[in-house]
Amino acid sequence: ADLIVLTSLSAWIDVSKLPALFLLCGTLGILATVVLKNKRF
């Protein structure tokens, strides 16, 4: 589901912003993991 949503978000976001989307997803994911202190979220 994450994979499908991640790729389908390219319909809403301009092509030039896709690398920023991947970087922001990773950064927010790391922050969420640190804040929630869970291995899975």
PDB file of all heavy atoms in Angstrom:
ATOM      1  N   ALA A   1       0.836  -1.201   0.000  1.00  0.00           N
ATOM      2  CA  ALA A   1       0.000   0.000   0.000  1.00  0.00           C
ATOM      3  C   ALA A   1       0.876   1.258   0.000  1.00  0.00           C
ATOM      4  O   ALA A   1       0.591   2.221  -0.721  1.00  0.00           O
ATOM      5  CB  ALA A   1      -0.930   0.004   1.197  1.00  0.00           C
ATOM      6  N   ASP A   2       1.946   1.239   0.782  1.00  0.00           N
ATOM      7  CA  ASP A   2       2.871   2.378   0.795  1.00  0.00           C
ATOM      8  C   ASP A   2       3.507   2.571  -0.572  1.00  0.00           C
ATOM      9  O   ASP A   2       3.659   3.695  -1.047  1.00  0.00           O
ATOM     10  CB  ASP A   2       3.963   2.172   1.848  1.00  0.00           C
ATOM     11  CG  ASP A   2       3.416   2.093   3.256  1.00  0.00           C
ATOM     12  OD1 ASP A   2       2.376   2.714   3.509  1.00  0.00           O
ATOM     13  OD2 ASP A   2       4.028   1.411   4.087  1.00  0.00           O
ATOM     14  N   LEU A   3       3.867   1.490  -1.200  1.00  0.00           N
ATOM     15  CA  LEU A   3       4.482   1.550  -2.522  1.00  0.00           C
ATOM     16  C   LEU A   3       3.511   2.111  -3.555  1.00  0.00           C
ATOM     17  O   LEU A   3       3.865   2.981  -4.357  1.00  0.00           O
ATOM     18  CB  LEU A   3       4.950   0.154  -2.930  1.00  0.00           C
ATOM     19  CG  LEU A   3       5.607   0.013  -4.288  1.00  0.00           C
ATOM     20  CD1 LEU A   3       6.916   0.776  -4.313  1.00  0.00           C
ATOM     21  CD2 LEU A   3       5.830  -1.439  -4.599  1.00  0.00           C
ATOM     22  N   ILE A   4       2.286   1.645  -3.525  1.00  0.00           N
ATOM     23  CA  ILE A   4       1.288   2.125  -4.480  1.00  0.00           C
ATOM     24  C   ILE A   4       0.973   3.591  -4.248  1.00  0.00           C
ATOM     25  O   ILE A   4       0.880   4.377  -5.196  1.00  0.00           O
ATOM     26  CB  ILE A   4       0.028   1.242  -4.407  1.00  0.00           C
ATOM     27  CG1 ILE A   4       0.340  -0.146  -4.968  1.00  0.00           C
ATOM     28  CG2 ILE A   4      -1.134   1.872  -5.143  1.00  0.00           C
ATOM     29  CD1 ILE A   4      -0.738  -1.162  -4.730  1.00  0.00           C
ATOM     30  N   VAL A   5       0.822   3.985  -2.997  1.00  0.00           N
ATOM     31  CA  VAL A   5       0.530   5.395  -2.705  1.00  0.00           C
ATOM     32  C   VAL A   5       1.715   6.278  -3.066  1.00  0.00           C
ATOM     33  O   VAL A   5       1.535   7.357  -3.629  1.00  0.00           O
ATOM     34  CB  VAL A   5       0.120   5.568  -1.225  1.00  0.00           C
ATOM     35  CG1 VAL A   5       0.082   7.019  -0.833  1.00  0.00           C
ATOM     36  CG2 VAL A   5      -1.238   4.929  -0.982  1.00  0.00           C
ATOM     37  N   LEU A   6       2.919   5.829  -2.777  1.00  0.00           N
ATOM     38  CA  LEU A   6       4.101   6.631  -3.102  1.00  0.00           C
ATOM     39  C   LEU A   6       4.209   6.870  -4.598  1.00  0.00           C
ATOM     40  O   LEU A   6       4.473   7.994  -5.034  1.00  0.00           O
ATOM     41  CB  LEU A   6       5.372   5.941  -2.591  1.00  0.00           C
ATOM     42  CG  LEU A   6       6.689   6.658  -2.846  1.00  0.00           C
ATOM     43  CD1 LEU A   6       6.712   7.998  -2.152  1.00  0.00           C
ATOM     44  CD2 LEU A   6       7.850   5.809  -2.384  1.00  0.00           C
ATOM     45  N   THR A   7       3.982   5.856  -5.383  1.00  0.00           N
ATOM     46  CA  THR A   7       4.088   6.047  -6.827  1.00  0.00           C
ATOM     47  C   THR A   7       2.894   6.818  -7.383  1.00  0.00           C
ATOM     48  O   THR A   7       3.035   7.584  -8.320  1.00  0.00           O
ATOM     49  CB  THR A   7       4.217   4.703  -7.553  1.00  0.00           C
ATOM     50  OG1 THR A   7       3.111   3.884  -7.218  1.00  0.00           O
ATOM     51  CG2 THR A   7       5.498   4.029  -7.192  1.00  0.00           C
ATOM     52  N   SER A   8       1.728   6.632  -6.802  1.00  0.00           N
ATOM     53  CA  SER A   8       0.562   7.357  -7.320  1.00  0.00           C
ATOM     54  C   SER A   8       0.568   8.828  -6.924  1.00  0.00           C
ATOM     55  O   SER A   8      -0.131   9.634  -7.532  1.00  0.00           O
ATOM     56  CB  SER A   8      -0.732   6.691  -6.862  1.00  0.00           C
ATOM     57  OG  SER A   8      -0.844   6.735  -5.466  1.00  0.00           O
ATOM     58  N   LEU A   9       1.367   9.196  -5.939  1.00  0.00           N
ATOM     59  CA  LEU A   9       1.486  10.617  -5.586  1.00  0.00           C
ATOM     60  C   LEU A   9       2.126  11.428  -6.697  1.00  0.00           C
ATOM     61  O   LEU A   9       2.011  12.652  -6.729  1.00  0.00           O
ATOM     62  CB  LEU A   9       2.285  10.784  -4.291  1.00  0.00           C
ATOM     63  CG  LEU A   9       1.537  10.484  -3.006  1.00  0.00           C
ATOM     64  CD1 LEU A   9       2.478  10.531  -1.831  1.00  0.00           C
ATOM     65  CD2 LEU A   9       0.369  11.413  -2.817  1.00  0.00           C
ATOM     66  N   SER A  10       2.784  10.755  -7.625  1.00  0.00           N
ATOM     67  CA  SER A  10       3.379  11.476  -8.752  1.00  0.00           C
ATOM     68  C   SER A  10       2.320  12.093  -9.656  1.00  0.00           C
ATOM     69  O   SER A  10       2.630  12.944 -10.477  1.00  0.00           O
ATOM     70  CB  SER A  10       4.282  10.544  -9.562  1.00  0.00           C
ATOM     71  OG  SER A  10       3.511   9.509 -10.143  1.00  0.00           O
ATOM     72  N   ALA A  11       1.071  11.674  -9.504  1.00  0.00           N
ATOM     73  CA  ALA A  11      -0.016  12.300 -10.267  1.00  0.00           C
ATOM     74  C   ALA A  11      -0.335  13.687  -9.731  1.00  0.00           C
ATOM     75  O   ALA A  11      -0.838  14.536 -10.459  1.00  0.00           O
ATOM     76  CB  ALA A  11      -1.263  11.431 -10.216  1.00  0.00           C
ATOM     77  N   TRP A  12      -0.033  13.932  -8.465  1.00  0.00           N
ATOM     78  CA  TRP A  12      -0.370  15.208  -7.849  1.00  0.00           C
ATOM     79  C   TRP A  12       0.823  16.163  -7.791  1.00  0.00           C
ATOM     80  O   TRP A  12       0.651  17.363  -7.655  1.00  0.00           O
ATOM     81  CB  TRP A  12      -0.868  14.988  -6.419  1.00  0.00           C
ATOM     82  CG  TRP A  12      -2.079  14.155  -6.338  1.00  0.00           C
ATOM     83  CD1 TRP A  12      -2.126  12.822  -6.061  1.00  0.00           C
ATOM     84  CD2 TRP A  12      -3.430  14.564  -6.552  1.00  0.00           C
ATOM     85  NE1 TRP A  12      -3.417  12.393  -6.079  1.00  0.00           N
ATOM     86  CE2 TRP A  12      -4.237  13.430  -6.370  1.00  0.00           C
ATOM     87  CE3 TRP A  12      -4.025  15.775  -6.869  1.00  0.00           C
ATOM     88  CZ2 TRP A  12      -5.616  13.481  -6.501  1.00  0.00           C
ATOM     89  CZ3 TRP A  12      -5.395  15.819  -6.994  1.00  0.00           C
ATOM     90  CH2 TRP A  12      -6.171  14.685  -6.813  1.00  0.00           C
ATOM     91  N   ILE A  13       2.017  15.603  -7.866  1.00  0.00           N
ATOM     92  CA  ILE A  13       3.220  16.413  -7.672  1.00  0.00           C
ATOM     93  C   ILE A  13       3.966  16.523  -8.989  1.00  0.00           C
ATOM     94  O   ILE A  13       4.084  15.559  -9.737  1.00  0.00           O
ATOM     95  CB  ILE A  13       4.108  15.774  -6.583  1.00  0.00           C
ATOM     96  CG1 ILE A  13       3.354  15.825  -5.254  1.00  0.00           C
ATOM     97  CG2 ILE A  13       5.437  16.466  -6.465  1.00  0.00           C
ATOM     98  CD1 ILE A  13       4.031  15.131  -4.137  1.00  0.00           C
ATOM     99  N   ASP A  14       4.493  17.687  -9.241  1.00  0.00           N
ATOM    100  CA  ASP A  14       5.260  17.933 -10.459  1.00  0.00           C
ATOM    101  C   ASP A  14       6.513  17.047 -10.475  1.00  0.00           C
ATOM    102  O   ASP A  14       7.066  16.715  -9.431  1.00  0.00           O
ATOM    103  CB  ASP A  14       5.644  19.411 -10.518  1.00  0.00           C
ATOM    104  CG  ASP A  14       6.195  19.801 -11.869  1.00  0.00           C
ATOM    105  OD1 ASP A  14       5.812  19.174 -12.867  1.00  0.00           O
ATOM    106  OD2 ASP A  14       7.009  20.735 -11.923  1.00  0.00           O
ATOM    107  N   VAL A  15       6.937  16.687 -11.668  1.00  0.00           N
ATOM    108  CA  VAL A  15       8.069  15.774 -11.832  1.00  0.00           C
ATOM    109  C   VAL A  15       9.336  16.337 -11.179  1.00  0.00           C
ATOM    110  O   VAL A  15      10.114  15.594 -10.579  1.00  0.00           O
ATOM    111  CB  VAL A  15       8.323  15.503 -13.330  1.00  0.00           C
ATOM    112  CG1 VAL A  15       9.517  14.613 -13.537  1.00  0.00           C
ATOM    113  CG2 VAL A  15       7.102  14.903 -13.973  1.00  0.00           C
ATOM    114  N   SER A  16       9.533  17.631 -11.264  1.00  0.00           N
ATOM    115  CA  SER A  16      10.743  18.216 -10.693  1.00  0.00           C
ATOM    116  C   SER A  16      10.764  18.145  -9.170  1.00  0.00           C
ATOM    117  O   SER A  16      11.820  18.260  -8.557  1.00  0.00           O
ATOM    118  CB  SER A  16      10.883  19.674 -11.142  1.00  0.00           C
ATOM    119  OG  SER A  16       9.796  20.441 -10.663  1.00  0.00           O
ATOM    120  N   LYS A  17       9.614  17.937  -8.532  1.00  0.00           N
ATOM    121  CA  LYS A  17       9.546  17.857  -7.069  1.00  0.00           C
ATOM    122  C   LYS A  17       9.611  16.426  -6.536  1.00  0.00           C
ATOM    123  O   LYS A  17       9.592  16.228  -5.330  1.00  0.00           O
ATOM    124  CB  LYS A  17       8.269  18.520  -6.573  1.00  0.00           C
ATOM    125  CG  LYS A  17       8.240  20.016  -6.746  1.00  0.00           C
ATOM    126  CD  LYS A  17       6.989  20.590  -6.140  1.00  0.00           C
ATOM    127  CE  LYS A  17       6.950  22.088  -6.292  1.00  0.00           C
ATOM    128  NZ  LYS A  17       5.734  22.650  -5.710  1.00  0.00           N
ATOM    129  N   LEU A  18       9.658  15.440  -7.423  1.00  0.00           N
ATOM    130  CA  LEU A  18       9.672  14.053  -6.957  1.00  0.00           C
ATOM    131  C   LEU A  18      10.899  13.701  -6.108  1.00  0.00           C
ATOM    132  O   LEU A  18      10.748  13.026  -5.089  1.00  0.00           O
ATOM    133  CB  LEU A  18       9.541  13.094  -8.136  1.00  0.00           C
ATOM    134  CG  LEU A  18       8.141  12.963  -8.717  1.00  0.00           C
ATOM    135  CD1 LEU A  18       8.142  12.020  -9.903  1.00  0.00           C
ATOM    136  CD2 LEU A  18       7.143  12.514  -7.684  1.00  0.00           C
ATOM    137  N   PRO A  19      12.119  14.142  -6.470  1.00  0.00           N
ATOM    138  CA  PRO A  19      13.242  13.860  -5.565  1.00  0.00           C
ATOM    139  C   PRO A  19      13.053  14.494  -4.187  1.00  0.00           C
ATOM    140  O   PRO A  19      13.406  13.892  -3.171  1.00  0.00           O
ATOM    141  CB  PRO A  19      14.449  14.466  -6.287  1.00  0.00           C
ATOM    142  CG  PRO A  19      14.071  14.467  -7.715  1.00  0.00           C
ATOM    143  CD  PRO A  19      12.596  14.719  -7.737  1.00  0.00           C
ATOM    144  N   ALA A  20      12.465  15.682  -4.149  1.00  0.00           N
ATOM    145  CA  ALA A  20      12.189  16.320  -2.860  1.00  0.00           C
ATOM    146  C   ALA A  20      11.152  15.520  -2.075  1.00  0.00           C
ATOM    147  O   ALA A  20      11.217  15.437  -0.846  1.00  0.00           O
ATOM    148  CB  ALA A  20      11.713  17.747  -3.077  1.00  0.00           C
ATOM    149  N   LEU A  21      10.189  14.918  -2.779  1.00  0.00           N
ATOM    150  CA  LEU A  21       9.190  14.078  -2.109  1.00  0.00           C
ATOM    151  C   LEU A  21       9.861  12.881  -1.449  1.00  0.00           C
ATOM    152  O   LEU A  21       9.591  12.577  -0.289  1.00  0.00           O
ATOM    153  CB  LEU A  21       8.123  13.606  -3.098  1.00  0.00           C
ATOM    154  CG  LEU A  21       7.112  12.603  -2.549  1.00  0.00           C
ATOM    155  CD1 LEU A  21       6.193  13.270  -1.535  1.00  0.00           C
ATOM    156  CD2 LEU A  21       6.316  11.977  -3.665  1.00  0.00           C
ATOM    157  N   PHE A  22      10.748  12.209  -2.173  1.00  0.00           N
ATOM    158  CA  PHE A  22      11.439  11.051  -1.606  1.00  0.00           C
ATOM    159  C   PHE A  22      12.307  11.459  -0.410  1.00  0.00           C
ATOM    160  O   PHE A  22      12.333  10.771   0.608  1.00  0.00           O
ATOM    161  CB  PHE A  22      12.293  10.354  -2.663  1.00  0.00           C
ATOM    162  CG  PHE A  22      11.503   9.796  -3.799  1.00  0.00           C
ATOM    163  CD1 PHE A  22      11.995   9.838  -5.090  1.00  0.00           C
ATOM    164  CD2 PHE A  22      10.253   9.233  -3.610  1.00  0.00           C
ATOM    165  CE1 PHE A  22      11.274   9.321  -6.150  1.00  0.00           C
ATOM    166  CE2 PHE A  22       9.519   8.713  -4.661  1.00  0.00           C
ATOM    167  CZ  PHE A  22      10.030   8.761  -5.933  1.00  0.00           C
ATOM    168  N   LEU A  23      12.997  12.574  -0.526  1.00  0.00           N
ATOM    169  CA  LEU A  23      13.836  13.054   0.574  1.00  0.00           C
ATOM    170  C   LEU A  23      12.991  13.446   1.783  1.00  0.00           C
ATOM    171  O   LEU A  23      13.328  13.105   2.926  1.00  0.00           O
ATOM    172  CB  LEU A  23      14.684  14.238   0.098  1.00  0.00           C
ATOM    173  CG  LEU A  23      15.672  14.806   1.097  1.00  0.00           C
ATOM    174  CD1 LEU A  23      16.739  13.764   1.425  1.00  0.00           C
ATOM    175  CD2 LEU A  23      16.320  16.055   0.555  1.00  0.00           C
ATOM    176  N   LEU A  24      11.895  14.145   1.546  1.00  0.00           N
ATOM    177  CA  LEU A  24      11.029  14.564   2.642  1.00  0.00           C
ATOM    178  C   LEU A  24      10.348  13.370   3.301  1.00  0.00           C
ATOM    179  O   LEU A  24      10.210  13.331   4.529  1.00  0.00           O
ATOM    180  CB  LEU A  24       9.991  15.572   2.126  1.00  0.00           C
ATOM    181  CG  LEU A  24       9.185  16.329   3.163  1.00  0.00           C
ATOM    182  CD1 LEU A  24      10.094  17.104   4.102  1.00  0.00           C
ATOM    183  CD2 LEU A  24       8.228  17.280   2.468  1.00  0.00           C
ATOM    184  N   CYS A  25       9.954  12.382   2.519  1.00  0.00           N
ATOM    185  CA  CYS A  25       9.364  11.157   3.086  1.00  0.00           C
ATOM    186  C   CYS A  25      10.367  10.452   4.000  1.00  0.00           C
ATOM    187  O   CYS A  25      10.016  10.023   5.101  1.00  0.00           O
ATOM    188  CB  CYS A  25       8.925  10.210   1.981  1.00  0.00           C
ATOM    189  SG  CYS A  25       7.413  10.653   1.161  1.00  0.00           S
ATOM    190  N   GLY A  26      11.587  10.326   3.540  1.00  0.00           N
ATOM    191  CA  GLY A  26      12.609   9.689   4.358  1.00  0.00           C
ATOM    192  C   GLY A  26      12.895  10.451   5.638  1.00  0.00           C
ATOM    193  O   GLY A  26      13.000   9.868   6.719  1.00  0.00           O
ATOM    194  N   THR A  27      13.006  11.769   5.515  1.00  0.00           N
ATOM    195  CA  THR A  27      13.282  12.598   6.691  1.00  0.00           C
ATOM    196  C   THR A  27      12.148  12.532   7.701  1.00  0.00           C
ATOM    197  O   THR A  27      12.374  12.358   8.904  1.00  0.00           O
ATOM    198  CB  THR A  27      13.528  14.061   6.261  1.00  0.00           C
ATOM    199  OG1 THR A  27      14.572  14.091   5.288  1.00  0.00           O
ATOM    200  CG2 THR A  27      13.892  14.920   7.442  1.00  0.00           C
ATOM    201  N   LEU A  28      10.920  12.678   7.225  1.00  0.00           N
ATOM    202  CA  LEU A  28       9.767  12.604   8.128  1.00  0.00           C
ATOM    203  C   LEU A  28       9.617  11.204   8.715  1.00  0.00           C
ATOM    204  O   LEU A  28       9.217  11.052   9.868  1.00  0.00           O
ATOM    205  CB  LEU A  28       8.487  13.017   7.401  1.00  0.00           C
ATOM    206  CG  LEU A  28       8.371  14.488   7.029  1.00  0.00           C
ATOM    207  CD1 LEU A  28       7.115  14.741   6.206  1.00  0.00           C
ATOM    208  CD2 LEU A  28       8.379  15.369   8.268  1.00  0.00           C
ATOM    209  N   GLY A  29       9.947  10.176   7.946  1.00  0.00           N
ATOM    210  CA  GLY A  29       9.902   8.815   8.461  1.00  0.00           C
ATOM    211  C   GLY A  29      10.901   8.580   9.573  1.00  0.00           C
ATOM    212  O   GLY A  29      10.583   7.937  10.583  1.00  0.00           O
ATOM    213  N   ILE A  30      12.103   9.105   9.399  1.00  0.00           N
ATOM    214  CA  ILE A  30      13.116   8.984  10.453  1.00  0.00           C
ATOM    215  C   ILE A  30      12.683   9.737  11.704  1.00  0.00           C
ATOM    216  O   ILE A  30      12.801   9.231  12.823  1.00  0.00           O
ATOM    217  CB  ILE A  30      14.483   9.484   9.948  1.00  0.00           C
ATOM    218  CG1 ILE A  30      15.035   8.504   8.918  1.00  0.00           C
ATOM    219  CG2 ILE A  30      15.463   9.664  11.098  1.00  0.00           C
ATOM    220  CD1 ILE A  30      16.260   9.008   8.184  1.00  0.00           C
ATOM    221  N   LEU A  31      12.159  10.954  11.520  1.00  0.00           N
ATOM    222  CA  LEU A  31      11.682  11.729  12.671  1.00  0.00           C
ATOM    223  C   LEU A  31      10.531  11.020  13.388  1.00  0.00           C
ATOM    224  O   LEU A  31      10.492  10.992  14.620  1.00  0.00           O
ATOM    225  CB  LEU A  31      11.239  13.118  12.226  1.00  0.00           C
ATOM    226  CG  LEU A  31      12.345  14.086  11.839  1.00  0.00           C
ATOM    227  CD1 LEU A  31      11.759  15.373  11.287  1.00  0.00           C
ATOM    228  CD2 LEU A  31      13.227  14.382  13.038  1.00  0.00           C
ATOM    229  N   ALA A  32       9.614  10.451  12.628  1.00  0.00           N
ATOM    230  CA  ALA A  32       8.493   9.733  13.246  1.00  0.00           C
ATOM    231  C   ALA A  32       8.977   8.509  14.010  1.00  0.00           C
ATOM    232  O   ALA A  32       8.465   8.196  15.086  1.00  0.00           O
ATOM    233  CB  ALA A  32       7.474   9.335  12.184  1.00  0.00           C
ATOM    234  N   THR A  33       9.985   7.821  13.478  1.00  0.00           N
ATOM    235  CA  THR A  33      10.524   6.656  14.161  1.00  0.00           C
ATOM    236  C   THR A  33      11.198   7.052  15.469  1.00  0.00           C
ATOM    237  O   THR A  33      11.034   6.386  16.492  1.00  0.00           O
ATOM    238  CB  THR A  33      11.538   5.926  13.261  1.00  0.00           C
ATOM    239  OG1 THR A  33      10.888   5.573  12.042  1.00  0.00           O
ATOM    240  CG2 THR A  33      12.064   4.682  13.926  1.00  0.00           C
ATOM    241  N   VAL A  34      11.937   8.153  15.437  1.00  0.00           N
ATOM    242  CA  VAL A  34      12.613   8.617  16.651  1.00  0.00           C
ATOM    243  C   VAL A  34      11.604   9.080  17.689  1.00  0.00           C
ATOM    244  O   VAL A  34      11.724   8.756  18.877  1.00  0.00           O
ATOM    245  CB  VAL A  34      13.613   9.747  16.303  1.00  0.00           C
ATOM    246  CG1 VAL A  34      14.125  10.435  17.549  1.00  0.00           C
ATOM    247  CG2 VAL A  34      14.764   9.188  15.487  1.00  0.00           C
ATOM    248  N   VAL A  35      10.586   9.814  17.259  1.00  0.00           N
ATOM    249  CA  VAL A  35       9.596  10.332  18.197  1.00  0.00           C
ATOM    250  C   VAL A  35       8.733   9.203  18.766  1.00  0.00           C
ATOM    251  O   VAL A  35       8.471   9.156  19.968  1.00  0.00           O
ATOM    252  CB  VAL A  35       8.718  11.408  17.510  1.00  0.00           C
ATOM    253  CG1 VAL A  35       7.514  11.763  18.358  1.00  0.00           C
ATOM    254  CG2 VAL A  35       9.543  12.644  17.213  1.00  0.00           C
ATOM    255  N   LEU A  36       8.287   8.279  17.921  1.00  0.00           N
ATOM    256  CA  LEU A  36       7.399   7.208  18.375  1.00  0.00           C
ATOM    257  C   LEU A  36       8.140   6.050  19.042  1.00  0.00           C
ATOM    258  O   LEU A  36       7.537   5.253  19.742  1.00  0.00           O
ATOM    259  CB  LEU A  36       6.575   6.674  17.199  1.00  0.00           C
ATOM    260  CG  LEU A  36       5.610   7.663  16.577  1.00  0.00           C
ATOM    261  CD1 LEU A  36       4.941   7.055  15.363  1.00  0.00           C
ATOM    262  CD2 LEU A  36       4.574   8.097  17.590  1.00  0.00           C
ATOM    263  N   LYS A  37       9.433   5.937  18.785  1.00  0.00           N
ATOM    264  CA  LYS A  37      10.281   4.891  19.365  1.00  0.00           C
ATOM    265  C   LYS A  37       9.739   3.490  19.081  1.00  0.00           C
ATOM    266  O   LYS A  37       9.776   2.619  19.916  1.00  0.00           O
ATOM    267  CB  LYS A  37      10.451   5.112  20.857  1.00  0.00           C
ATOM    268  CG  LYS A  37      11.148   6.407  21.183  1.00  0.00           C
ATOM    269  CD  LYS A  37      11.298   6.610  22.649  1.00  0.00           C
ATOM    270  CE  LYS A  37      11.953   7.955  22.868  1.00  0.00           C
ATOM    271  NZ  LYS A  37      11.948   8.372  24.241  1.00  0.00           N
ATOM    272  N   ASN A  38       9.225   3.306  17.887  1.00  0.00           N
ATOM    273  CA  ASN A  38       8.734   1.995  17.443  1.00  0.00           C
ATOM    274  C   ASN A  38       9.570   1.520  16.272  1.00  0.00           C
ATOM    275  O   ASN A  38      10.068   2.333  15.494  1.00  0.00           O
ATOM    276  CB  ASN A  38       7.277   2.073  16.989  1.00  0.00           C
ATOM    277  CG  ASN A  38       6.331   2.202  18.146  1.00  0.00           C
ATOM    278  OD1 ASN A  38       6.649   1.842  19.268  1.00  0.00           O
ATOM    279  ND2 ASN A  38       5.150   2.710  17.875  1.00  0.00           N
ATOM    280  N   LYS A  39       9.685   0.227  16.140  1.00  0.00           N
ATOM    281  CA  LYS A  39      10.358  -0.309  14.962  1.00  0.00           C
ATOM    282  C   LYS A  39       9.431  -0.290  13.762  1.00  0.00           C
ATOM    283  O   LYS A  39       9.848  -0.177  12.637  1.00  0.00           O
ATOM    284  CB  LYS A  39      10.848  -1.726  15.226  1.00  0.00           C
ATOM    285  CG  LYS A  39      11.996  -1.777  16.191  1.00  0.00           C
ATOM    286  CD  LYS A  39      12.531  -3.167  16.323  1.00  0.00           C
ATOM    287  CE  LYS A  39      13.716  -3.157  17.276  1.00  0.00           C
ATOM    288  NZ  LYS A  39      14.328  -4.459  17.386  1.00  0.00           N
ATOM    289  N   ARG A  40       8.124  -0.431  14.012  1.00  0.00           N
ATOM    290  CA  ARG A  40       7.138  -0.405  12.938  1.00  0.00           C
ATOM    291  C   ARG A  40       6.110   0.678  13.256  1.00  0.00           C
ATOM    292  O   ARG A  40       5.642   0.789  14.376  1.00  0.00           O
ATOM    293  CB  ARG A  40       6.431  -1.743  12.821  1.00  0.00           C
ATOM    294  CG  ARG A  40       7.339  -2.845  12.339  1.00  0.00           C
ATOM    295  CD  ARG A  40       6.586  -4.139  12.208  1.00  0.00           C
ATOM    296  NE  ARG A  40       5.451  -4.041  11.285  1.00  0.00           N
ATOM    297  CZ  ARG A  40       5.498  -4.383  10.011  1.00  0.00           C
ATOM    298  NH1 ARG A  40       6.607  -4.850   9.507  1.00  0.00           N
ATOM    299  NH2 ARG A  40       4.436  -4.284   9.249  1.00  0.00           N
ATOM    300  N   PHE A  41       5.812   1.450  12.257  1.00  0.00           N
ATOM    301  CA  PHE A  41       4.755   2.443  12.406  1.00  0.00           C
ATOM    302  C   PHE A  41       4.105   2.642  11.049  1.00  0.00           C
ATOM    303  O   PHE A  41       4.703   2.349  10.017  1.00  0.00           O
ATOM    304  CB  PHE A  41       5.299   3.766  12.966  1.00  0.00           C
ATOM    305  CG  PHE A  41       6.056   4.579  11.965  1.00  0.00           C
ATOM    306  CD1 PHE A  41       5.436   5.597  11.270  1.00  0.00           C
ATOM    307  CD2 PHE A  41       7.386   4.320  11.700  1.00  0.00           C
ATOM    308  CE1 PHE A  41       6.130   6.345  10.337  1.00  0.00           C
ATOM    309  CE2 PHE A  41       8.085   5.059  10.769  1.00  0.00           C
ATOM    310  CZ  PHE A  41       7.455   6.069  10.092  1.00  0.00           C
TER     311      PHE A  41
END
